[in-house]
C-alpha cells in the first residue's frame, strides 16, 4: 500500500507579556527551527501574535486598545510567516486577531502554502463568553474549509470549536484526514483538554493535532500539552509543559482509511436519524 507520509509540527510557544514584535519574533524563531528540521506542515497556537490572558480579564479599560493588535490578512505578521513558509517549503497555519473590515474582527487562522500563497482563512465558528470575553471582540466565522496538499487533506477548528463534535465531523465528511485545533488553553480546561483531543480523533478516525501555548500571562497559566493523536486516539507526540518546543511526528495518512474501516464510523452512520441535532430550539 502506498504511503502518504508527512512530517507534522505543533509549535508550542512560550506565553508571556511583551510587545507584539517580541511575541511574534519568539514564536517565528521556533517555527523556523521546525522548518530546518524538515517539518512539512506547522500549526501555531491560537492568536499566536498576542497575549490571550487579556481576553480573560473583566476590566474594560483595555477594550479599544486591544483592537489595535488586529491586522488584515495579508498584513505585517502574516507577511513574516509567508517568508518562513517559502524558505522552508512548508504549509503553515498561523492564527491571528484579524481585522477583516472597519469594525469587523475575527479570530482567524490563515493557511500559507510552500509557495507563500494564502490558501484560505478559517475563522473561529463558536465564540465563547464563559471564562473569556471573546464575544466582545470577534464575530463568528462560518464555512467548512478543507485544504488540499500533495499528501492529503487537512482542516482547522479553533479552540472552543473543539467542544462541538459537529465541527470535526463535518470537516471529516468534507474529506479532512488531519485535523488541527490551535488553542489558548489555561488550567481551567486541563481536565477535559486531552480527552477532547483524543475523542475528535476517535470520533472521525483521523489524525488530531491540538496546539497550545505554555507559561504564564498575568494570573493565567497555560499548560502546554500540545499533542498529536493518531486515528485510533493514541497520543503519539506531546509537548508536555515545555516552552518554545516543537512537537512533531511523521504520520502516514493511509492510516486514516485503515482506522475508518476498523471502526465503521462512516460506514455505519445513520444521518436520517439525526435531524434533532439541527433543530434551532432544543428545549
C-alpha atoms as a PDB file:
ATOM      1  CA  UNK A   1       0.000   0.000   0.000  1.00  0.00           C
ATOM      2  CA  UNK A   2       1.381   3.416  -0.966  1.00  0.00           C
ATOM      3  CA  UNK A   3       2.313   5.641   1.940  1.00  0.00           C
ATOM      4  CA  UNK A   4       1.217   9.253   2.283  1.00  0.00           C
ATOM      5  CA  UNK A   5       3.697  10.363   4.876  1.00  0.00           C
ATOM      6  CA  UNK A   6       4.035  13.933   6.119  1.00  0.00           C
ATOM      7  CA  UNK A   7       6.036  15.477   8.944  1.00  0.00           C
ATOM      8  CA  UNK A   8       3.621  17.432  11.153  1.00  0.00           C
ATOM      9  CA  UNK A   9       4.696  20.010  13.744  1.00  0.00           C
ATOM     10  CA  UNK A  10       2.836  21.818  16.518  1.00  0.00           C
ATOM     11  CA  UNK A  11       4.644  24.973  17.685  1.00  0.00           C
ATOM     12  CA  UNK A  12       4.190  25.241  21.457  1.00  0.00           C
ATOM     13  CA  UNK A  13       5.428  28.775  22.093  1.00  0.00           C
ATOM     14  CA  UNK A  14       6.186  30.484  25.373  1.00  0.00           C
ATOM     15  CA  UNK A  15       3.397  32.573  26.886  1.00  0.00           C
ATOM     16  CA  UNK A  16       4.456  35.937  28.292  1.00  0.00           C
ATOM     17  CA  UNK A  17       3.532  39.597  28.428  1.00  0.00           C
ATOM     18  CA  UNK A  18       5.527  41.558  25.883  1.00  0.00           C
ATOM     19  CA  UNK A  19       5.311  43.739  22.829  1.00  0.00           C
ATOM     20  CA  UNK A  20       3.661  42.320  19.741  1.00  0.00           C
ATOM     21  CA  UNK A  21       7.030  42.208  17.962  1.00  0.00           C
ATOM     22  CA  UNK A  22       8.614  40.290  20.843  1.00  0.00           C
ATOM     23  CA  UNK A  23       5.820  37.725  20.911  1.00  0.00           C
ATOM     24  CA  UNK A  24       5.808  37.257  17.131  1.00  0.00           C
ATOM     25  CA  UNK A  25       9.591  37.011  16.870  1.00  0.00           C
ATOM     26  CA  UNK A  26       9.728  34.459  19.696  1.00  0.00           C
ATOM     27  CA  UNK A  27       7.198  32.169  18.012  1.00  0.00           C
ATOM     28  CA  UNK A  28       8.559  32.564  14.495  1.00  0.00           C
ATOM     29  CA  UNK A  29      12.056  31.622  15.688  1.00  0.00           C
ATOM     30  CA  UNK A  30      10.607  28.286  16.820  1.00  0.00           C
ATOM     31  CA  UNK A  31       8.698  27.970  13.533  1.00  0.00           C
ATOM     32  CA  UNK A  32      11.938  28.463  11.591  1.00  0.00           C
ATOM     33  CA  UNK A  33      13.588  25.715  13.655  1.00  0.00           C
ATOM     34  CA  UNK A  34      10.741  23.383  12.716  1.00  0.00           C
ATOM     35  CA  UNK A  35      11.343  24.259   9.069  1.00  0.00           C
ATOM     36  CA  UNK A  36      15.051  23.474   9.421  1.00  0.00           C
ATOM     37  CA  UNK A  37      14.073  20.151  10.980  1.00  0.00           C
ATOM     38  CA  UNK A  38      12.070  19.208   7.898  1.00  0.00           C
ATOM     39  CA  UNK A  39       8.505  19.875   9.006  1.00  0.00           C
ATOM     40  CA  UNK A  40       6.099  19.901   6.062  1.00  0.00           C
ATOM     41  CA  UNK A  41       3.116  21.419   7.862  1.00  0.00           C
ATOM     42  CA  UNK A  42       3.240  23.502  11.049  1.00  0.00           C
ATOM     43  CA  UNK A  43       0.491  24.891  13.217  1.00  0.00           C
ATOM     44  CA  UNK A  44       0.937  27.805  15.621  1.00  0.00           C
ATOM     45  CA  UNK A  45      -1.253  28.352  18.675  1.00  0.00           C
ATOM     46  CA  UNK A  46      -4.450  30.376  18.780  1.00  0.00           C
ATOM     47  CA  UNK A  47      -3.861  34.151  18.401  1.00  0.00           C
ATOM     48  CA  UNK A  48      -0.126  33.470  18.448  1.00  0.00           C
ATOM     49  CA  UNK A  49       0.851  37.136  17.989  1.00  0.00           C
ATOM     50  CA  UNK A  50      -0.592  38.390  21.278  1.00  0.00           C
ATOM     51  CA  UNK A  51      -1.335  37.615  24.916  1.00  0.00           C
ATOM     52  CA  UNK A  52      -4.563  35.665  25.323  1.00  0.00           C
ATOM     53  CA  UNK A  53      -4.843  36.420  29.037  1.00  0.00           C
ATOM     54  CA  UNK A  54      -6.316  39.840  28.212  1.00  0.00           C
ATOM     55  CA  UNK A  55      -9.487  38.163  26.924  1.00  0.00           C
ATOM     56  CA  UNK A  56      -9.980  36.631  30.373  1.00  0.00           C
ATOM     57  CA  UNK A  57      -9.898  39.962  32.197  1.00  0.00           C
ATOM     58  CA  UNK A  58     -13.098  41.600  33.396  1.00  0.00           C
ATOM     59  CA  UNK A  59     -11.792  45.174  33.333  1.00  0.00           C
ATOM     60  CA  UNK A  60     -12.885  47.122  30.277  1.00  0.00           C
ATOM     61  CA  UNK A  61     -10.362  49.951  30.068  1.00  0.00           C
ATOM     62  CA  UNK A  62      -8.272  47.862  27.670  1.00  0.00           C
ATOM     63  CA  UNK A  63     -11.188  47.098  25.302  1.00  0.00           C
ATOM     64  CA  UNK A  64     -10.427  49.572  22.499  1.00  0.00           C
ATOM     65  CA  UNK A  65      -6.614  49.252  22.694  1.00  0.00           C
ATOM     66  CA  UNK A  66      -6.998  45.503  22.129  1.00  0.00           C
ATOM     67  CA  UNK A  67      -8.292  46.168  18.630  1.00  0.00           C
ATOM     68  CA  UNK A  68      -5.025  47.878  17.670  1.00  0.00           C
ATOM     69  CA  UNK A  69      -3.390  44.438  17.722  1.00  0.00           C
ATOM     70  CA  UNK A  70      -5.669  43.222  14.928  1.00  0.00           C
ATOM     71  CA  UNK A  71      -4.330  43.062  11.357  1.00  0.00           C
ATOM     72  CA  UNK A  72      -5.666  42.360   7.900  1.00  0.00           C
ATOM     73  CA  UNK A  73      -4.767  39.139   6.103  1.00  0.00           C
ATOM     74  CA  UNK A  74      -2.293  39.504   4.497  1.00  0.00           C
ATOM     75  CA  UNK A  75      -0.638  42.021   6.801  1.00  0.00           C
ATOM     76  CA  UNK A  76       2.670  42.625   8.618  1.00  0.00           C
ATOM     77  CA  UNK A  77       2.624  39.496  10.781  1.00  0.00           C
ATOM     78  CA  UNK A  78       1.402  37.123   8.095  1.00  0.00           C
ATOM     79  CA  UNK A  79       3.985  38.567   5.692  1.00  0.00           C
ATOM     80  CA  UNK A  80       6.688  37.351   8.107  1.00  0.00           C
ATOM     81  CA  UNK A  81       5.089  33.903   8.232  1.00  0.00           C
ATOM     82  CA  UNK A  82       4.933  33.799   4.434  1.00  0.00           C
ATOM     83  CA  UNK A  83       8.695  34.318   4.192  1.00  0.00           C
ATOM     84  CA  UNK A  84       9.376  31.399   6.529  1.00  0.00           C
ATOM     85  CA  UNK A  85       6.889  29.133   4.740  1.00  0.00           C
ATOM     86  CA  UNK A  86       8.580  29.897   1.399  1.00  0.00           C
ATOM     87  CA  UNK A  87      12.100  29.480   2.755  1.00  0.00           C
ATOM     88  CA  UNK A  88      11.443  26.033   4.202  1.00  0.00           C
ATOM     89  CA  UNK A  89       8.836  24.930   1.675  1.00  0.00           C
ATOM     90  CA  UNK A  90       6.145  24.093   4.210  1.00  0.00           C
ATOM     91  CA  UNK A  91       2.491  24.730   4.951  1.00  0.00           C
ATOM     92  CA  UNK A  92       1.848  26.979   7.956  1.00  0.00           C
ATOM     93  CA  UNK A  93      -1.348  27.597   9.928  1.00  0.00           C
ATOM     94  CA  UNK A  94      -0.889  30.995  11.627  1.00  0.00           C
ATOM     95  CA  UNK A  95      -3.830  32.101  13.834  1.00  0.00           C
ATOM     96  CA  UNK A  96      -4.147  35.846  14.473  1.00  0.00           C
ATOM     97  CA  UNK A  97      -6.595  38.590  15.525  1.00  0.00           C
ATOM     98  CA  UNK A  98      -7.966  39.571  12.087  1.00  0.00           C
ATOM     99  CA  UNK A  99      -9.352  42.962  11.117  1.00  0.00           C
ATOM    100  CA  UNK A 100     -11.490  41.996   8.138  1.00  0.00           C
ATOM    101  CA  UNK A 101     -13.248  45.338   7.606  1.00  0.00           C
ATOM    102  CA  UNK A 102     -13.722  48.543   9.560  1.00  0.00           C
ATOM    103  CA  UNK A 103     -15.303  47.446  12.841  1.00  0.00           C
ATOM    104  CA  UNK A 104     -15.395  43.749  11.822  1.00  0.00           C
ATOM    105  CA  UNK A 105     -12.970  41.391  13.581  1.00  0.00           C
ATOM    106  CA  UNK A 106     -12.398  37.631  13.653  1.00  0.00           C
ATOM    107  CA  UNK A 107     -10.337  35.032  15.461  1.00  0.00           C
ATOM    108  CA  UNK A 108      -8.769  33.633  12.314  1.00  0.00           C
ATOM    109  CA  UNK A 109      -6.303  31.066  11.028  1.00  0.00           C
ATOM    110  CA  UNK A 110      -4.876  31.775   7.575  1.00  0.00           C
ATOM    111  CA  UNK A 111      -3.194  28.866   5.798  1.00  0.00           C
ATOM    112  CA  UNK A 112       0.012  29.577   3.863  1.00  0.00           C
ATOM    113  CA  UNK A 113       1.344  27.091   1.303  1.00  0.00           C
ATOM    114  CA  UNK A 114       5.013  26.342   0.481  1.00  0.00           C
ATOM    115  CA  UNK A 115       5.000  28.939  -2.311  1.00  0.00           C
ATOM    116  CA  UNK A 116       3.868  31.631   0.111  1.00  0.00           C
ATOM    117  CA  UNK A 117       0.286  31.799  -1.144  1.00  0.00           C
ATOM    118  CA  UNK A 118      -2.596  32.216   1.286  1.00  0.00           C
ATOM    119  CA  UNK A 119      -4.754  29.184   0.513  1.00  0.00           C
ATOM    120  CA  UNK A 120      -7.646  30.390   2.630  1.00  0.00           C
ATOM    121  CA  UNK A 121      -8.681  31.663   6.046  1.00  0.00           C
ATOM    122  CA  UNK A 122     -10.574  29.618   8.630  1.00  0.00           C
ATOM    123  CA  UNK A 123     -12.426  31.762  11.167  1.00  0.00           C
ATOM    124  CA  UNK A 124     -13.432  30.515  14.618  1.00  0.00           C
ATOM    125  CA  UNK A 125     -17.043  29.391  14.399  1.00  0.00           C
ATOM    126  CA  UNK A 126     -18.008  29.172  18.076  1.00  0.00           C
ATOM    127  CA  UNK A 127     -17.198  32.291  20.119  1.00  0.00           C
ATOM    128  CA  UNK A 128     -17.171  31.799  23.907  1.00  0.00           C
ATOM    129  CA  UNK A 129     -18.312  34.141  26.631  1.00  0.00           C
ATOM    130  CA  UNK A 130     -17.764  31.995  29.698  1.00  0.00           C
ATOM    131  CA  UNK A 131     -14.238  32.310  31.090  1.00  0.00           C
ATOM    132  CA  UNK A 132     -13.255  34.625  28.257  1.00  0.00           C
ATOM    133  CA  UNK A 133     -14.876  37.741  26.780  1.00  0.00           C
ATOM    134  CA  UNK A 134     -14.279  36.873  23.129  1.00  0.00           C
ATOM    135  CA  UNK A 135     -17.821  37.770  22.127  1.00  0.00           C
ATOM    136  CA  UNK A 136     -16.911  41.426  22.723  1.00  0.00           C
ATOM    137  CA  UNK A 137     -14.260  41.224  20.027  1.00  0.00           C
ATOM    138  CA  UNK A 138     -14.977  38.570  17.425  1.00  0.00           C
ATOM    139  CA  UNK A 139     -17.754  37.750  15.033  1.00  0.00           C
ATOM    140  CA  UNK A 140     -18.318  34.031  14.447  1.00  0.00           C
ATOM    141  CA  UNK A 141     -16.919  32.575  11.262  1.00  0.00           C
ATOM    142  CA  UNK A 142     -18.626  30.083   9.021  1.00  0.00           C
ATOM    143  CA  UNK A 143     -17.724  27.664   6.251  1.00  0.00           C
ATOM    144  CA  UNK A 144     -16.127  24.234   6.366  1.00  0.00           C
ATOM    145  CA  UNK A 145     -12.875  24.675   4.505  1.00  0.00           C
ATOM    146  CA  UNK A 146     -10.759  21.590   3.832  1.00  0.00           C
ATOM    147  CA  UNK A 147      -7.332  22.231   2.325  1.00  0.00           C
ATOM    148  CA  UNK A 148      -5.611  20.020  -0.250  1.00  0.00           C
ATOM    149  CA  UNK A 149      -1.930  19.131  -0.064  1.00  0.00           C
ATOM    150  CA  UNK A 150       0.017  16.584  -2.137  1.00  0.00           C
ATOM    151  CA  UNK A 151      -0.053  14.089   0.734  1.00  0.00           C
ATOM    152  CA  UNK A 152      -3.692  14.548   1.811  1.00  0.00           C
ATOM    153  CA  UNK A 153      -6.417  16.817   3.160  1.00  0.00           C
ATOM    154  CA  UNK A 154      -6.365  18.900   6.339  1.00  0.00           C
ATOM    155  CA  UNK A 155      -8.714  21.284   8.124  1.00  0.00           C
ATOM    156  CA  UNK A 156      -8.912  23.508  11.188  1.00  0.00           C
ATOM    157  CA  UNK A 157     -11.073  24.120  14.233  1.00  0.00           C
ATOM    158  CA  UNK A 158     -10.071  26.925  16.592  1.00  0.00           C
ATOM    159  CA  UNK A 159     -10.110  26.465  20.388  1.00  0.00           C
ATOM    160  CA  UNK A 160     -13.786  26.442  21.503  1.00  0.00           C
ATOM    161  CA  UNK A 161     -14.713  24.722  18.219  1.00  0.00           C
ATOM    162  CA  UNK A 162     -13.245  21.592  19.813  1.00  0.00           C
ATOM    163  CA  UNK A 163     -16.162  21.398  22.265  1.00  0.00           C
ATOM    164  CA  UNK A 164     -18.624  20.914  19.412  1.00  0.00           C
ATOM    165  CA  UNK A 165     -18.122  17.457  17.868  1.00  0.00           C
ATOM    166  CA  UNK A 166     -20.182  18.547  14.858  1.00  0.00           C
ATOM    167  CA  UNK A 167     -17.267  20.768  13.776  1.00  0.00           C
ATOM    168  CA  UNK A 168     -14.760  17.952  13.397  1.00  0.00           C
ATOM    169  CA  UNK A 169     -17.402  15.614  11.976  1.00  0.00           C
ATOM    170  CA  UNK A 170     -18.460  17.996   9.201  1.00  0.00           C
ATOM    171  CA  UNK A 171     -14.818  18.627   8.312  1.00  0.00           C
ATOM    172  CA  UNK A 172     -14.227  14.863   8.179  1.00  0.00           C
ATOM    173  CA  UNK A 173     -17.284  14.418   5.962  1.00  0.00           C
ATOM    174  CA  UNK A 174     -15.760  17.089   3.695  1.00  0.00           C
ATOM    175  CA  UNK A 175     -12.630  14.967   3.361  1.00  0.00           C
ATOM    176  CA  UNK A 176     -10.432  16.012   6.296  1.00  0.00           C
ATOM    177  CA  UNK A 177      -7.836  13.414   7.326  1.00  0.00           C
ATOM    178  CA  UNK A 178      -5.652  15.656   9.500  1.00  0.00           C
ATOM    179  CA  UNK A 179      -7.464  17.955  11.949  1.00  0.00           C
ATOM    180  CA  UNK A 180      -5.714  20.897  13.613  1.00  0.00           C
ATOM    181  CA  UNK A 181      -7.081  22.730  16.638  1.00  0.00           C
ATOM    182  CA  UNK A 182      -4.951  25.676  17.817  1.00  0.00           C
ATOM    183  CA  UNK A 183      -5.981  26.714  21.326  1.00  0.00           C
ATOM    184  CA  UNK A 184      -5.152  29.104  24.148  1.00  0.00           C
ATOM    185  CA  UNK A 185      -5.978  26.742  26.993  1.00  0.00           C
ATOM    186  CA  UNK A 186      -5.387  27.736  30.595  1.00  0.00           C
ATOM    187  CA  UNK A 187      -5.543  25.486  33.623  1.00  0.00           C
ATOM    188  CA  UNK A 188      -9.312  25.767  33.898  1.00  0.00           C
ATOM    189  CA  UNK A 189      -9.779  23.351  30.961  1.00  0.00           C
ATOM    190  CA  UNK A 190      -6.875  20.974  31.607  1.00  0.00           C
ATOM    191  CA  UNK A 191      -9.064  18.096  32.779  1.00  0.00           C
ATOM    192  CA  UNK A 192     -11.012  17.926  29.512  1.00  0.00           C
ATOM    193  CA  UNK A 193      -8.413  19.124  27.002  1.00  0.00           C
ATOM    194  CA  UNK A 194      -6.584  15.871  26.306  1.00  0.00           C
ATOM    195  CA  UNK A 195      -9.764  13.822  26.398  1.00  0.00           C
ATOM    196  CA  UNK A 196     -11.394  16.024  23.735  1.00  0.00           C
ATOM    197  CA  UNK A 197      -8.297  15.913  21.503  1.00  0.00           C
ATOM    198  CA  UNK A 198      -8.355  12.132  21.587  1.00  0.00           C
ATOM    199  CA  UNK A 199     -12.103  11.924  21.049  1.00  0.00           C
ATOM    200  CA  UNK A 200     -12.040  14.152  17.967  1.00  0.00           C
ATOM    201  CA  UNK A 201      -9.543  11.651  16.520  1.00  0.00           C
ATOM    202  CA  UNK A 202     -11.573   8.605  17.602  1.00  0.00           C
ATOM    203  CA  UNK A 203     -14.951  10.034  16.551  1.00  0.00           C
ATOM    204  CA  UNK A 204     -13.759  10.581  12.994  1.00  0.00           C
ATOM    205  CA  UNK A 205     -10.870   8.117  12.660  1.00  0.00           C
ATOM    206  CA  UNK A 206      -8.470  10.894  11.653  1.00  0.00           C
ATOM    207  CA  UNK A 207      -5.288  12.460  12.990  1.00  0.00           C
ATOM    208  CA  UNK A 208      -5.889  15.192  15.552  1.00  0.00           C
ATOM    209  CA  UNK A 209      -3.334  17.896  16.418  1.00  0.00           C
ATOM    210  CA  UNK A 210      -4.001  20.262  19.315  1.00  0.00           C
ATOM    211  CA  UNK A 211      -1.619  23.219  19.736  1.00  0.00           C
ATOM    212  CA  UNK A 212      -1.414  25.223  22.960  1.00  0.00           C
ATOM    213  CA  UNK A 213       0.900  27.884  24.414  1.00  0.00           C
ATOM    214  CA  UNK A 214       2.857  27.261  27.605  1.00  0.00           C
ATOM    215  CA  UNK A 215       3.766  29.520  30.519  1.00  0.00           C
ATOM    216  CA  UNK A 216       2.292  32.414  32.458  1.00  0.00           C
ATOM    217  CA  UNK A 217       0.481  35.536  31.305  1.00  0.00           C
ATOM    218  CA  UNK A 218      -0.610  37.632  34.245  1.00  0.00           C
ATOM    219  CA  UNK A 219      -2.679  35.364  36.505  1.00  0.00           C
ATOM    220  CA  UNK A 220      -3.236  32.726  33.827  1.00  0.00           C
ATOM    221  CA  UNK A 221      -1.107  29.605  33.459  1.00  0.00           C
ATOM    222  CA  UNK A 222      -1.139  27.942  30.048  1.00  0.00           C
ATOM    223  CA  UNK A 223      -0.250  24.296  30.483  1.00  0.00           C
ATOM    224  CA  UNK A 224       1.073  23.433  27.017  1.00  0.00           C
ATOM    225  CA  UNK A 225       0.428  19.745  26.357  1.00  0.00           C
ATOM    226  CA  UNK A 226       0.286  20.220  22.592  1.00  0.00           C
ATOM    227  CA  UNK A 227      -0.395  16.742  21.271  1.00  0.00           C
ATOM    228  CA  UNK A 228      -0.642  14.692  18.106  1.00  0.00           C
ATOM    229  CA  UNK A 229      -3.163  11.837  18.176  1.00  0.00           C
ATOM    230  CA  UNK A 230      -3.392   9.025  15.663  1.00  0.00           C
ATOM    231  CA  UNK A 231      -6.736   7.963  14.111  1.00  0.00           C
ATOM    232  CA  UNK A 232      -7.307   5.461  16.934  1.00  0.00           C
ATOM    233  CA  UNK A 233      -6.917   8.200  19.566  1.00  0.00           C
ATOM    234  CA  UNK A 234      -3.452   7.243  20.766  1.00  0.00           C
ATOM    235  CA  UNK A 235      -1.186  10.172  21.692  1.00  0.00           C
ATOM    236  CA  UNK A 236       1.951   9.789  19.575  1.00  0.00           C
ATOM    237  CA  UNK A 237       3.695  13.075  20.472  1.00  0.00           C
ATOM    238  CA  UNK A 238       3.353  15.598  23.299  1.00  0.00           C
ATOM    239  CA  UNK A 239       4.993  18.883  24.295  1.00  0.00           C
ATOM    240  CA  UNK A 240       4.044  18.414  27.970  1.00  0.00           C
ATOM    241  CA  UNK A 241       4.896  21.641  29.891  1.00  0.00           C
ATOM    242  CA  UNK A 242       7.880  22.733  27.826  1.00  0.00           C
ATOM    243  CA  UNK A 243       8.159  26.289  26.498  1.00  0.00           C
ATOM    244  CA  UNK A 244       9.152  27.018  22.882  1.00  0.00           C
ATOM    245  CA  UNK A 245       9.129  23.369  21.886  1.00  0.00           C
ATOM    246  CA  UNK A 246       8.384  21.718  18.534  1.00  0.00           C
ATOM    247  CA  UNK A 247       6.015  18.764  18.858  1.00  0.00           C
ATOM    248  CA  UNK A 248       6.484  16.772  15.673  1.00  0.00           C
ATOM    249  CA  UNK A 249       5.865  13.365  14.184  1.00  0.00           C
ATOM    250  CA  UNK A 250       5.961  11.743  10.774  1.00  0.00           C
ATOM    251  CA  UNK A 251       2.480  10.384  10.111  1.00  0.00           C
ATOM    252  CA  UNK A 252       1.041   8.248   7.319  1.00  0.00           C
ATOM    253  CA  UNK A 253      -2.405   9.366   6.185  1.00  0.00           C
ATOM    254  CA  UNK A 254      -3.092   5.903   4.763  1.00  0.00           C
ATOM    255  CA  UNK A 255      -3.809   5.041   8.393  1.00  0.00           C
ATOM    256  CA  UNK A 256      -6.987   7.121   8.205  1.00  0.00           C
ATOM    257  CA  UNK A 257      -8.528   4.719   5.722  1.00  0.00           C
ATOM    258  CA  UNK A 258      -7.494   1.749   7.865  1.00  0.00           C
ATOM    259  CA  UNK A 259      -8.975   3.316  11.004  1.00  0.00           C
ATOM    260  CA  UNK A 260     -12.248   4.113   9.270  1.00  0.00           C
ATOM    261  CA  UNK A 261     -12.522   0.537   8.039  1.00  0.00           C
ATOM    262  CA  UNK A 262     -11.725  -0.761  11.552  1.00  0.00           C
ATOM    263  CA  UNK A 263     -14.218   1.476  13.338  1.00  0.00           C
ATOM    264  CA  UNK A 264     -17.070   1.749  10.842  1.00  0.00           C
ATOM    265  CA  UNK A 265     -17.766   5.326  11.972  1.00  0.00           C
ATOM    266  CA  UNK A 266     -18.656   6.390   8.446  1.00  0.00           C
ATOM    267  CA  UNK A 267     -19.934   3.099   7.088  1.00  0.00           C
ATOM    268  CA  UNK A 268     -22.455   2.726   9.908  1.00  0.00           C
ATOM    269  CA  UNK A 269     -23.645   6.323  10.237  1.00  0.00           C
ATOM    270  CA  UNK A 270     -27.442   6.868  10.284  1.00  0.00           C
ATOM    271  CA  UNK A 271     -27.868  10.535   9.256  1.00  0.00           C
ATOM    272  CA  UNK A 272     -31.584  10.015   8.656  1.00  0.00           C
ATOM    273  CA  UNK A 273     -31.916   9.741  12.456  1.00  0.00           C
ATOM    274  CA  UNK A 274     -30.015  12.917  13.303  1.00  0.00           C
ATOM    275  CA  UNK A 275     -32.453  15.696  12.416  1.00  0.00           C
ATOM    276  CA  UNK A 276     -32.785  16.576  16.124  1.00  0.00           C
ATOM    277  CA  UNK A 277     -29.213  17.925  16.051  1.00  0.00           C
ATOM    278  CA  UNK A 278     -30.105  20.670  13.584  1.00  0.00           C
ATOM    279  CA  UNK A 279     -33.244  21.898  15.338  1.00  0.00           C
ATOM    280  CA  UNK A 280     -32.773  25.519  16.445  1.00  0.00           C
ATOM    281  CA  UNK A 281     -34.892  25.234  19.611  1.00  0.00           C
ATOM    282  CA  UNK A 282     -33.617  22.273  21.573  1.00  0.00           C
ATOM    283  CA  UNK A 283     -35.534  22.810  24.830  1.00  0.00           C
END
